[in-house]
Amino acid sequence: IEREQEWLMLAIEEALSDFRRMRKKLDNEINKETLA
């Protein structure tokens, strides 16, 4: 169970990092509401 919890938390952190990266990438192309 402990390994699965770590596996999940790692995936969540990578997903969060990915969303932040995409938001930054599109920051100058689309309006703030869509970036939301």
PDB file of all heavy atoms in Angstrom:
ATOM      1  N   ILE A   1       0.824  -1.210   0.000  1.00  0.00           N
ATOM      2  CA  ILE A   1       0.000   0.000   0.000  1.00  0.00           C
ATOM      3  C   ILE A   1       0.859   1.261   0.000  1.00  0.00           C
ATOM      4  O   ILE A   1       0.572   2.240  -0.699  1.00  0.00           O
ATOM      5  CB  ILE A   1      -0.973  -0.020   1.209  1.00  0.00           C
ATOM      6  CG1 ILE A   1      -2.066  -1.076   0.947  1.00  0.00           C
ATOM      7  CG2 ILE A   1      -1.601   1.349   1.444  1.00  0.00           C
ATOM      8  CD1 ILE A   1      -2.958  -1.367   2.126  1.00  0.00           C
ATOM      9  N   GLU A   2       1.952   1.227   0.765  1.00  0.00           N
ATOM     10  CA  GLU A   2       2.821   2.406   0.869  1.00  0.00           C
ATOM     11  C   GLU A   2       3.425   2.768  -0.494  1.00  0.00           C
ATOM     12  O   GLU A   2       3.497   3.943  -0.868  1.00  0.00           O
ATOM     13  CB  GLU A   2       3.941   2.129   1.884  1.00  0.00           C
ATOM     14  CG  GLU A   2       4.705   3.386   2.261  1.00  0.00           C
ATOM     15  CD  GLU A   2       5.723   3.116   3.369  1.00  0.00           C
ATOM     16  OE1 GLU A   2       5.466   2.245   4.229  1.00  0.00           O
ATOM     17  OE2 GLU A   2       6.768   3.779   3.331  1.00  0.00           O
ATOM     18  N   ARG A   3       3.847   1.726  -1.249  1.00  0.00           N
ATOM     19  CA  ARG A   3       4.439   1.983  -2.566  1.00  0.00           C
ATOM     20  C   ARG A   3       3.409   2.593  -3.534  1.00  0.00           C
ATOM     21  O   ARG A   3       3.716   3.499  -4.304  1.00  0.00           O
ATOM     22  CB  ARG A   3       4.980   0.675  -3.154  1.00  0.00           C
ATOM     23  CG  ARG A   3       5.783   0.870  -4.452  1.00  0.00           C
ATOM     24  CD  ARG A   3       6.274  -0.462  -4.998  1.00  0.00           C
ATOM     25  NE  ARG A   3       5.170  -1.265  -5.525  1.00  0.00           N
ATOM     26  CZ  ARG A   3       4.668  -1.130  -6.762  1.00  0.00           C
ATOM     27  NH1 ARG A   3       5.161  -0.219  -7.573  1.00  0.00           N
ATOM     28  NH2 ARG A   3       3.685  -1.908  -7.166  1.00  0.00           N
ATOM     29  N   GLU A   4       2.155   2.094  -3.456  1.00  0.00           N
ATOM     30  CA  GLU A   4       1.091   2.624  -4.320  1.00  0.00           C
ATOM     31  C   GLU A   4       0.802   4.090  -3.990  1.00  0.00           C
ATOM     32  O   GLU A   4       0.579   4.904  -4.884  1.00  0.00           O
ATOM     33  CB  GLU A   4      -0.193   1.793  -4.165  1.00  0.00           C
ATOM     34  CG  GLU A   4      -0.081   0.353  -4.606  1.00  0.00           C
ATOM     35  CD  GLU A   4       0.200   0.194  -6.088  1.00  0.00           C
ATOM     36  OE1 GLU A   4      -0.441   0.871  -6.913  1.00  0.00           O
ATOM     37  OE2 GLU A   4       1.085  -0.618  -6.428  1.00  0.00           O
ATOM     38  N   GLN A   5       0.811   4.421  -2.676  1.00  0.00           N
ATOM     39  CA  GLN A   5       0.570   5.808  -2.255  1.00  0.00           C
ATOM     40  C   GLN A   5       1.660   6.721  -2.815  1.00  0.00           C
ATOM     41  O   GLN A   5       1.384   7.825  -3.302  1.00  0.00           O
ATOM     42  CB  GLN A   5       0.534   5.916  -0.716  1.00  0.00           C
ATOM     43  CG  GLN A   5      -0.569   5.124  -0.039  1.00  0.00           C
ATOM     44  CD  GLN A   5      -1.944   5.760  -0.144  1.00  0.00           C
ATOM     45  OE1 GLN A   5      -2.179   6.611  -0.996  1.00  0.00           O
ATOM     46  NE2 GLN A   5      -2.871   5.329   0.701  1.00  0.00           N
ATOM     47  N   GLU A   6       2.904   6.261  -2.754  1.00  0.00           N
ATOM     48  CA  GLU A   6       4.028   7.050  -3.273  1.00  0.00           C
ATOM     49  C   GLU A   6       3.903   7.217  -4.793  1.00  0.00           C
ATOM     50  O   GLU A   6       4.155   8.298  -5.338  1.00  0.00           O
ATOM     51  CB  GLU A   6       5.357   6.363  -2.937  1.00  0.00           C
ATOM     52  CG  GLU A   6       5.759   6.494  -1.467  1.00  0.00           C
ATOM     53  CD  GLU A   6       7.043   5.733  -1.154  1.00  0.00           C
ATOM     54  OE1 GLU A   6       7.714   5.302  -2.122  1.00  0.00           O
ATOM     55  OE2 GLU A   6       7.360   5.582   0.033  1.00  0.00           O
ATOM     56  N   TRP A   7       3.530   6.128  -5.464  1.00  0.00           N
ATOM     57  CA  TRP A   7       3.348   6.132  -6.920  1.00  0.00           C
ATOM     58  C   TRP A   7       2.298   7.180  -7.320  1.00  0.00           C
ATOM     59  O   TRP A   7       2.486   7.967  -8.249  1.00  0.00           O
ATOM     60  CB  TRP A   7       2.937   4.720  -7.346  1.00  0.00           C
ATOM     61  CG  TRP A   7       2.815   4.486  -8.824  1.00  0.00           C
ATOM     62  CD1 TRP A   7       3.486   5.138  -9.812  1.00  0.00           C
ATOM     63  CD2 TRP A   7       1.964   3.534  -9.472  1.00  0.00           C
ATOM     64  NE1 TRP A   7       3.118   4.648 -11.041  1.00  0.00           N
ATOM     65  CE2 TRP A   7       2.185   3.661 -10.872  1.00  0.00           C
ATOM     66  CE3 TRP A   7       1.054   2.573  -9.013  1.00  0.00           C
ATOM     67  CZ2 TRP A   7       1.514   2.873 -11.805  1.00  0.00           C
ATOM     68  CZ3 TRP A   7       0.400   1.788  -9.945  1.00  0.00           C
ATOM     69  CH2 TRP A   7       0.627   1.937 -11.319  1.00  0.00           C
ATOM     70  N   LEU A   8       1.184   7.207  -6.563  1.00  0.00           N
ATOM     71  CA  LEU A   8       0.104   8.149  -6.843  1.00  0.00           C
ATOM     72  C   LEU A   8       0.544   9.588  -6.588  1.00  0.00           C
ATOM     73  O   LEU A   8       0.303  10.483  -7.406  1.00  0.00           O
ATOM     74  CB  LEU A   8      -1.118   7.813  -5.971  1.00  0.00           C
ATOM     75  CG  LEU A   8      -2.302   8.787  -6.098  1.00  0.00           C
ATOM     76  CD1 LEU A   8      -2.922   8.714  -7.481  1.00  0.00           C
ATOM     77  CD2 LEU A   8      -3.344   8.495  -5.029  1.00  0.00           C
ATOM     78  N   MET A   9       1.200   9.830  -5.442  1.00  0.00           N
ATOM     79  CA  MET A   9       1.622  11.194  -5.096  1.00  0.00           C
ATOM     80  C   MET A   9       2.620  11.738  -6.124  1.00  0.00           C
ATOM     81  O   MET A   9       2.582  12.918  -6.479  1.00  0.00           O
ATOM     82  CB  MET A   9       2.251  11.226  -3.697  1.00  0.00           C
ATOM     83  CG  MET A   9       1.241  11.086  -2.570  1.00  0.00           C
ATOM     84  SD  MET A   9      -0.074  12.350  -2.630  1.00  0.00           S
ATOM     85  CE  MET A   9      -1.488  11.355  -3.129  1.00  0.00           C
ATOM     86  N   LEU A  10       3.475  10.861  -6.628  1.00  0.00           N
ATOM     87  CA  LEU A  10       4.440  11.266  -7.645  1.00  0.00           C
ATOM     88  C   LEU A  10       3.714  11.665  -8.935  1.00  0.00           C
ATOM     89  O   LEU A  10       4.045  12.681  -9.560  1.00  0.00           O
ATOM     90  CB  LEU A  10       5.409  10.108  -7.928  1.00  0.00           C
ATOM     91  CG  LEU A  10       6.592  10.431  -8.858  1.00  0.00           C
ATOM     92  CD1 LEU A  10       7.497  11.489  -8.240  1.00  0.00           C
ATOM     93  CD2 LEU A  10       7.397   9.166  -9.151  1.00  0.00           C
ATOM     94  N   ALA A  11       2.707  10.883  -9.304  1.00  0.00           N
ATOM     95  CA  ALA A  11       1.922  11.189 -10.511  1.00  0.00           C
ATOM     96  C   ALA A  11       1.177  12.518 -10.352  1.00  0.00           C
ATOM     97  O   ALA A  11       1.098  13.315 -11.297  1.00  0.00           O
ATOM     98  CB  ALA A  11       0.928  10.064 -10.797  1.00  0.00           C
ATOM     99  N   ILE A  12       0.630  12.771  -9.162  1.00  0.00           N
ATOM    100  CA  ILE A  12      -0.083  14.032  -8.896  1.00  0.00           C
ATOM    101  C   ILE A  12       0.870  15.213  -9.045  1.00  0.00           C
ATOM    102  O   ILE A  12       0.542  16.231  -9.672  1.00  0.00           O
ATOM    103  CB  ILE A  12      -0.741  14.013  -7.499  1.00  0.00           C
ATOM    104  CG1 ILE A  12      -1.958  13.068  -7.496  1.00  0.00           C
ATOM    105  CG2 ILE A  12      -1.165  15.419  -7.075  1.00  0.00           C
ATOM    106  CD1 ILE A  12      -2.604  12.874  -6.137  1.00  0.00           C
ATOM    107  N   GLU A  13       2.061  15.107  -8.477  1.00  0.00           N
ATOM    108  CA  GLU A  13       3.047  16.195  -8.563  1.00  0.00           C
ATOM    109  C   GLU A  13       3.468  16.440 -10.010  1.00  0.00           C
ATOM    110  O   GLU A  13       3.630  17.594 -10.431  1.00  0.00           O
ATOM    111  CB  GLU A  13       4.276  15.885  -7.694  1.00  0.00           C
ATOM    112  CG  GLU A  13       4.004  15.939  -6.197  1.00  0.00           C
ATOM    113  CD  GLU A  13       3.333  17.242  -5.760  1.00  0.00           C
ATOM    114  OE1 GLU A  13       3.789  18.318  -6.208  1.00  0.00           O
ATOM    115  OE2 GLU A  13       2.337  17.181  -5.012  1.00  0.00           O
ATOM    116  N   GLU A  14       3.643  15.360 -10.770  1.00  0.00           N
ATOM    117  CA  GLU A  14       4.032  15.515 -12.173  1.00  0.00           C
ATOM    118  C   GLU A  14       2.904  16.153 -12.986  1.00  0.00           C
ATOM    119  O   GLU A  14       3.151  16.978 -13.874  1.00  0.00           O
ATOM    120  CB  GLU A  14       4.413  14.153 -12.769  1.00  0.00           C
ATOM    121  CG  GLU A  14       5.781  13.675 -12.307  1.00  0.00           C
ATOM    122  CD  GLU A  14       6.078  12.238 -12.727  1.00  0.00           C
ATOM    123  OE1 GLU A  14       5.126  11.513 -13.066  1.00  0.00           O
ATOM    124  OE2 GLU A  14       7.255  11.864 -12.706  1.00  0.00           O
ATOM    125  N   ALA A  15       1.659  15.775 -12.660  1.00  0.00           N
ATOM    126  CA  ALA A  15       0.508  16.370 -13.343  1.00  0.00           C
ATOM    127  C   ALA A  15       0.407  17.857 -13.014  1.00  0.00           C
ATOM    128  O   ALA A  15       0.155  18.692 -13.904  1.00  0.00           O
ATOM    129  CB  ALA A  15      -0.778  15.644 -12.955  1.00  0.00           C
ATOM    130  N   LEU A  16       0.601  18.220 -11.744  1.00  0.00           N
ATOM    131  CA  LEU A  16       0.559  19.632 -11.328  1.00  0.00           C
ATOM    132  C   LEU A  16       1.621  20.437 -12.071  1.00  0.00           C
ATOM    133  O   LEU A  16       1.364  21.542 -12.563  1.00  0.00           O
ATOM    134  CB  LEU A  16       0.782  19.751  -9.816  1.00  0.00           C
ATOM    135  CG  LEU A  16      -0.411  19.386  -8.925  1.00  0.00           C
ATOM    136  CD1 LEU A  16       0.031  19.260  -7.470  1.00  0.00           C
ATOM    137  CD2 LEU A  16      -1.511  20.442  -9.052  1.00  0.00           C
ATOM    138  N   SER A  17       2.813  19.865 -12.146  1.00  0.00           N
ATOM    139  CA  SER A  17       3.916  20.536 -12.842  1.00  0.00           C
ATOM    140  C   SER A  17       3.576  20.715 -14.323  1.00  0.00           C
ATOM    141  O   SER A  17       3.866  21.763 -14.918  1.00  0.00           O
ATOM    142  CB  SER A  17       5.190  19.699 -12.678  1.00  0.00           C
ATOM    143  OG  SER A  17       6.226  20.232 -13.440  1.00  0.00           O
ATOM    144  N   ASP A  18       2.930  19.705 -14.903  1.00  0.00           N
ATOM    145  CA  ASP A  18       2.551  19.755 -16.313  1.00  0.00           C
ATOM    146  C   ASP A  18       1.516  20.847 -16.569  1.00  0.00           C
ATOM    147  O   ASP A  18       1.611  21.597 -17.544  1.00  0.00           O
ATOM    148  CB  ASP A  18       1.988  18.384 -16.717  1.00  0.00           C
ATOM    149  CG  ASP A  18       1.799  18.260 -18.221  1.00  0.00           C
ATOM    150  OD1 ASP A  18       2.760  18.538 -18.953  1.00  0.00           O
ATOM    151  OD2 ASP A  18       0.691  17.895 -18.651  1.00  0.00           O
ATOM    152  N   PHE A  19       0.513  20.960 -15.692  1.00  0.00           N
ATOM    153  CA  PHE A  19      -0.514  21.993 -15.852  1.00  0.00           C
ATOM    154  C   PHE A  19       0.099  23.396 -15.731  1.00  0.00           C
ATOM    155  O   PHE A  19      -0.266  24.306 -16.472  1.00  0.00           O
ATOM    156  CB  PHE A  19      -1.634  21.808 -14.821  1.00  0.00           C
ATOM    157  CG  PHE A  19      -2.490  20.595 -15.069  1.00  0.00           C
ATOM    158  CD1 PHE A  19      -2.877  19.773 -14.015  1.00  0.00           C
ATOM    159  CD2 PHE A  19      -2.913  20.273 -16.342  1.00  0.00           C
ATOM    160  CE1 PHE A  19      -3.659  18.647 -14.232  1.00  0.00           C
ATOM    161  CE2 PHE A  19      -3.709  19.145 -16.574  1.00  0.00           C
ATOM    162  CZ  PHE A  19      -4.074  18.342 -15.517  1.00  0.00           C
ATOM    163  N   ARG A  20       1.040  23.556 -14.776  1.00  0.00           N
ATOM    164  CA  ARG A  20       1.694  24.862 -14.617  1.00  0.00           C
ATOM    165  C   ARG A  20       2.505  25.208 -15.868  1.00  0.00           C
ATOM    166  O   ARG A  20       2.516  26.349 -16.323  1.00  0.00           O
ATOM    167  CB  ARG A  20       2.588  24.861 -13.379  1.00  0.00           C
ATOM    168  CG  ARG A  20       1.825  24.955 -12.064  1.00  0.00           C
ATOM    169  CD  ARG A  20       2.753  25.246 -10.897  1.00  0.00           C
ATOM    170  NE  ARG A  20       3.633  24.118 -10.593  1.00  0.00           N
ATOM    171  CZ  ARG A  20       3.336  23.173  -9.705  1.00  0.00           C
ATOM    172  NH1 ARG A  20       2.192  23.211  -9.045  1.00  0.00           N
ATOM    173  NH2 ARG A  20       4.180  22.182  -9.472  1.00  0.00           N
ATOM    174  N   ARG A  21       3.192  24.187 -16.427  1.00  0.00           N
ATOM    175  CA  ARG A  21       4.012  24.406 -17.616  1.00  0.00           C
ATOM    176  C   ARG A  21       3.136  24.808 -18.805  1.00  0.00           C
ATOM    177  O   ARG A  21       3.468  25.729 -19.554  1.00  0.00           O
ATOM    178  CB  ARG A  21       4.768  23.106 -17.947  1.00  0.00           C
ATOM    179  CG  ARG A  21       5.661  23.198 -19.175  1.00  0.00           C
ATOM    180  CD  ARG A  21       6.326  21.854 -19.466  1.00  0.00           C
ATOM    181  NE  ARG A  21       5.370  20.789 -19.700  1.00  0.00           N
ATOM    182  CZ  ARG A  21       4.713  20.618 -20.841  1.00  0.00           C
ATOM    183  NH1 ARG A  21       4.896  21.454 -21.849  1.00  0.00           N
ATOM    184  NH2 ARG A  21       3.872  19.611 -20.989  1.00  0.00           N
ATOM    185  N   MET A  22       1.981  24.145 -18.960  1.00  0.00           N
ATOM    186  CA  MET A  22       1.086  24.465 -20.073  1.00  0.00           C
ATOM    187  C   MET A  22       0.495  25.862 -19.926  1.00  0.00           C
ATOM    188  O   MET A  22       0.351  26.590 -20.912  1.00  0.00           O
ATOM    189  CB  MET A  22      -0.037  23.430 -20.153  1.00  0.00           C
ATOM    190  CG  MET A  22       0.430  22.106 -20.709  1.00  0.00           C
ATOM    191  SD  MET A  22      -0.940  20.991 -20.928  1.00  0.00           S
ATOM    192  CE  MET A  22      -0.052  19.484 -21.285  1.00  0.00           C
ATOM    193  N   ARG A  23       0.147  26.215 -18.698  1.00  0.00           N
ATOM    194  CA  ARG A  23      -0.416  27.546 -18.462  1.00  0.00           C
ATOM    195  C   ARG A  23       0.593  28.610 -18.868  1.00  0.00           C
ATOM    196  O   ARG A  23       0.251  29.612 -19.510  1.00  0.00           O
ATOM    197  CB  ARG A  23      -0.788  27.696 -16.980  1.00  0.00           C
ATOM    198  CG  ARG A  23      -1.681  28.899 -16.715  1.00  0.00           C
ATOM    199  CD  ARG A  23      -1.824  29.152 -15.226  1.00  0.00           C
ATOM    200  NE  ARG A  23      -2.915  30.056 -14.944  1.00  0.00           N
ATOM    201  CZ  ARG A  23      -2.904  31.361 -15.215  1.00  0.00           C
ATOM    202  NH1 ARG A  23      -1.868  31.906 -15.814  1.00  0.00           N
ATOM    203  NH2 ARG A  23      -3.955  32.118 -14.913  1.00  0.00           N
ATOM    204  N   LYS A  24       1.858  28.396 -18.476  1.00  0.00           N
ATOM    205  CA  LYS A  24       2.915  29.353 -18.805  1.00  0.00           C
ATOM    206  C   LYS A  24       3.133  29.415 -20.317  1.00  0.00           C
ATOM    207  O   LYS A  24       3.297  30.493 -20.898  1.00  0.00           O
ATOM    208  CB  LYS A  24       4.209  28.942 -18.100  1.00  0.00           C
ATOM    209  CG  LYS A  24       5.314  29.980 -18.212  1.00  0.00           C
ATOM    210  CD  LYS A  24       6.530  29.565 -17.405  1.00  0.00           C
ATOM    211  CE  LYS A  24       7.639  30.606 -17.538  1.00  0.00           C
ATOM    212  NZ  LYS A  24       8.855  30.219 -16.794  1.00  0.00           N
ATOM    213  N   LYS A  25       3.098  28.259 -20.960  1.00  0.00           N
ATOM    214  CA  LYS A  25       3.317  28.169 -22.404  1.00  0.00           C
ATOM    215  C   LYS A  25       2.252  28.955 -23.183  1.00  0.00           C
ATOM    216  O   LYS A  25       2.547  29.609 -24.185  1.00  0.00           O
ATOM    217  CB  LYS A  25       3.294  26.694 -22.815  1.00  0.00           C
ATOM    218  CG  LYS A  25       3.370  26.453 -24.317  1.00  0.00           C
ATOM    219  CD  LYS A  25       3.186  24.964 -24.606  1.00  0.00           C
ATOM    220  CE  LYS A  25       2.997  24.726 -26.098  1.00  0.00           C
ATOM    221  NZ  LYS A  25       2.712  23.320 -26.402  1.00  0.00           N
ATOM    222  N   LEU A  26       0.992  28.883 -22.707  1.00  0.00           N
ATOM    223  CA  LEU A  26      -0.116  29.515 -23.424  1.00  0.00           C
ATOM    224  C   LEU A  26      -0.436  30.918 -22.926  1.00  0.00           C
ATOM    225  O   LEU A  26      -1.376  31.552 -23.404  1.00  0.00           O
ATOM    226  CB  LEU A  26      -1.372  28.643 -23.315  1.00  0.00           C
ATOM    227  CG  LEU A  26      -1.268  27.243 -23.948  1.00  0.00           C
ATOM    228  CD1 LEU A  26      -2.477  26.411 -23.564  1.00  0.00           C
ATOM    229  CD2 LEU A  26      -1.147  27.341 -25.457  1.00  0.00           C
ATOM    230  N   ASP A  27       0.344  31.415 -21.983  1.00  0.00           N
ATOM    231  CA  ASP A  27       0.025  32.666 -21.283  1.00  0.00           C
ATOM    232  C   ASP A  27      -0.176  33.840 -22.239  1.00  0.00           C
ATOM    233  O   ASP A  27      -1.025  34.693 -22.015  1.00  0.00           O
ATOM    234  CB  ASP A  27       1.127  32.991 -20.271  1.00  0.00           C
ATOM    235  CG  ASP A  27       0.684  34.079 -19.302  1.00  0.00           C
ATOM    236  OD1 ASP A  27      -0.516  34.155 -19.023  1.00  0.00           O
ATOM    237  OD2 ASP A  27       1.536  34.860 -18.857  1.00  0.00           O
ATOM    238  N   ASN A  28       0.612  33.915 -23.285  1.00  0.00           N
ATOM    239  CA  ASN A  28       0.530  35.064 -24.198  1.00  0.00           C
ATOM    240  C   ASN A  28      -0.417  34.841 -25.370  1.00  0.00           C
ATOM    241  O   ASN A  28      -0.636  35.738 -26.163  1.00  0.00           O
ATOM    242  CB  ASN A  28       1.930  35.398 -24.735  1.00  0.00           C
ATOM    243  CG  ASN A  28       2.866  35.834 -23.631  1.00  0.00           C
ATOM    244  OD1 ASN A  28       2.464  36.541 -22.719  1.00  0.00           O
ATOM    245  ND2 ASN A  28       4.117  35.401 -23.714  1.00  0.00           N
ATOM    246  N   GLU A  29      -0.964  33.619 -25.476  1.00  0.00           N
ATOM    247  CA  GLU A  29      -1.784  33.300 -26.645  1.00  0.00           C
ATOM    248  C   GLU A  29      -3.282  33.396 -26.386  1.00  0.00           C
ATOM    249  O   GLU A  29      -4.051  33.639 -27.302  1.00  0.00           O
ATOM    250  CB  GLU A  29      -1.454  31.889 -27.149  1.00  0.00           C
ATOM    251  CG  GLU A  29      -0.043  31.754 -27.697  1.00  0.00           C
ATOM    252  CD  GLU A  29       0.153  30.407 -28.389  1.00  0.00           C
ATOM    253  OE1 GLU A  29      -0.665  30.067 -29.246  1.00  0.00           O
ATOM    254  OE2 GLU A  29       1.128  29.717 -28.050  1.00  0.00           O
ATOM    255  N   ILE A  30      -3.701  33.175 -25.152  1.00  0.00           N
ATOM    256  CA  ILE A  30      -5.140  33.153 -24.870  1.00  0.00           C
ATOM    257  C   ILE A  30      -5.463  33.992 -23.643  1.00  0.00           C
ATOM    258  O   ILE A  30      -4.585  34.338 -22.853  1.00  0.00           O
ATOM    259  CB  ILE A  30      -5.668  31.711 -24.670  1.00  0.00           C
ATOM    260  CG1 ILE A  30      -4.890  30.983 -23.572  1.00  0.00           C
ATOM    261  CG2 ILE A  30      -5.608  30.932 -25.957  1.00  0.00           C
ATOM    262  CD1 ILE A  30      -5.378  29.578 -23.305  1.00  0.00           C
ATOM    263  N   ASN A  31      -6.755  34.311 -23.489  1.00  0.00           N
ATOM    264  CA  ASN A  31      -7.151  35.188 -22.389  1.00  0.00           C
ATOM    265  C   ASN A  31      -7.115  34.464 -21.042  1.00  0.00           C
ATOM    266  O   ASN A  31      -7.013  33.249 -20.963  1.00  0.00           O
ATOM    267  CB  ASN A  31      -8.544  35.784 -22.653  1.00  0.00           C
ATOM    268  CG  ASN A  31      -9.616  34.715 -22.740  1.00  0.00           C
ATOM    269  OD1 ASN A  31      -9.678  33.813 -21.901  1.00  0.00           O
ATOM    270  ND2 ASN A  31     -10.463  34.798 -23.749  1.00  0.00           N
ATOM    271  N   LYS A  32      -7.202  35.260 -19.997  1.00  0.00           N
ATOM    272  CA  LYS A  32      -7.045  34.739 -18.632  1.00  0.00           C
ATOM    273  C   LYS A  32      -8.127  33.738 -18.262  1.00  0.00           C
ATOM    274  O   LYS A  32      -7.886  32.778 -17.552  1.00  0.00           O
ATOM    275  CB  LYS A  32      -7.064  35.910 -17.627  1.00  0.00           C
ATOM    276  CG  LYS A  32      -5.829  36.795 -17.705  1.00  0.00           C
ATOM    277  CD  LYS A  32      -4.619  36.079 -17.134  1.00  0.00           C
ATOM    278  CE  LYS A  32      -3.403  36.970 -17.093  1.00  0.00           C
ATOM    279  NZ  LYS A  32      -2.833  37.261 -18.400  1.00  0.00           N
ATOM    280  N   GLU A  33      -9.365  33.960 -18.763  1.00  0.00           N
ATOM    281  CA  GLU A  33     -10.441  33.039 -18.384  1.00  0.00           C
ATOM    282  C   GLU A  33     -10.185  31.639 -18.925  1.00  0.00           C
ATOM    283  O   GLU A  33     -10.398  30.641 -18.246  1.00  0.00           O
ATOM    284  CB  GLU A  33     -11.797  33.527 -18.885  1.00  0.00           C
ATOM    285  CG  GLU A  33     -12.891  32.512 -18.574  1.00  0.00           C
ATOM    286  CD  GLU A  33     -14.287  33.049 -18.748  1.00  0.00           C
ATOM    287  OE1 GLU A  33     -14.705  33.865 -17.929  1.00  0.00           O
ATOM    288  OE2 GLU A  33     -14.941  32.641 -19.697  1.00  0.00           O
ATOM    289  N   THR A  34      -9.673  31.574 -20.157  1.00  0.00           N
ATOM    290  CA  THR A  34      -9.401  30.264 -20.733  1.00  0.00           C
ATOM    291  C   THR A  34      -8.208  29.604 -20.057  1.00  0.00           C
ATOM    292  O   THR A  34      -8.185  28.392 -19.868  1.00  0.00           O
ATOM    293  CB  THR A  34      -9.166  30.392 -22.252  1.00  0.00           C
ATOM    294  OG1 THR A  34     -10.237  31.154 -22.819  1.00  0.00           O
ATOM    295  CG2 THR A  34      -9.152  29.028 -22.913  1.00  0.00           C
ATOM    296  N   LEU A  35      -7.227  30.412 -19.675  1.00  0.00           N
ATOM    297  CA  LEU A  35      -6.081  29.867 -18.934  1.00  0.00           C
ATOM    298  C   LEU A  35      -6.527  29.252 -17.610  1.00  0.00           C
ATOM    299  O   LEU A  35      -5.888  28.353 -17.076  1.00  0.00           O
ATOM    300  CB  LEU A  35      -5.050  30.970 -18.653  1.00  0.00           C
ATOM    301  CG  LEU A  35      -4.092  31.313 -19.794  1.00  0.00           C
ATOM    302  CD1 LEU A  35      -3.216  32.483 -19.386  1.00  0.00           C
ATOM    303  CD2 LEU A  35      -3.228  30.122 -20.175  1.00  0.00           C
ATOM    304  N   ALA A  36      -7.641  29.751 -17.094  1.00  0.00           N
ATOM    305  CA  ALA A  36      -8.154  29.242 -15.816  1.00  0.00           C
ATOM    306  C   ALA A  36      -8.525  27.768 -15.884  1.00  0.00           C
ATOM    307  O   ALA A  36      -8.696  27.121 -14.857  1.00  0.00           O
ATOM    308  CB  ALA A  36      -9.378  30.059 -15.389  1.00  0.00           C
TER     309      ALA A  36
END
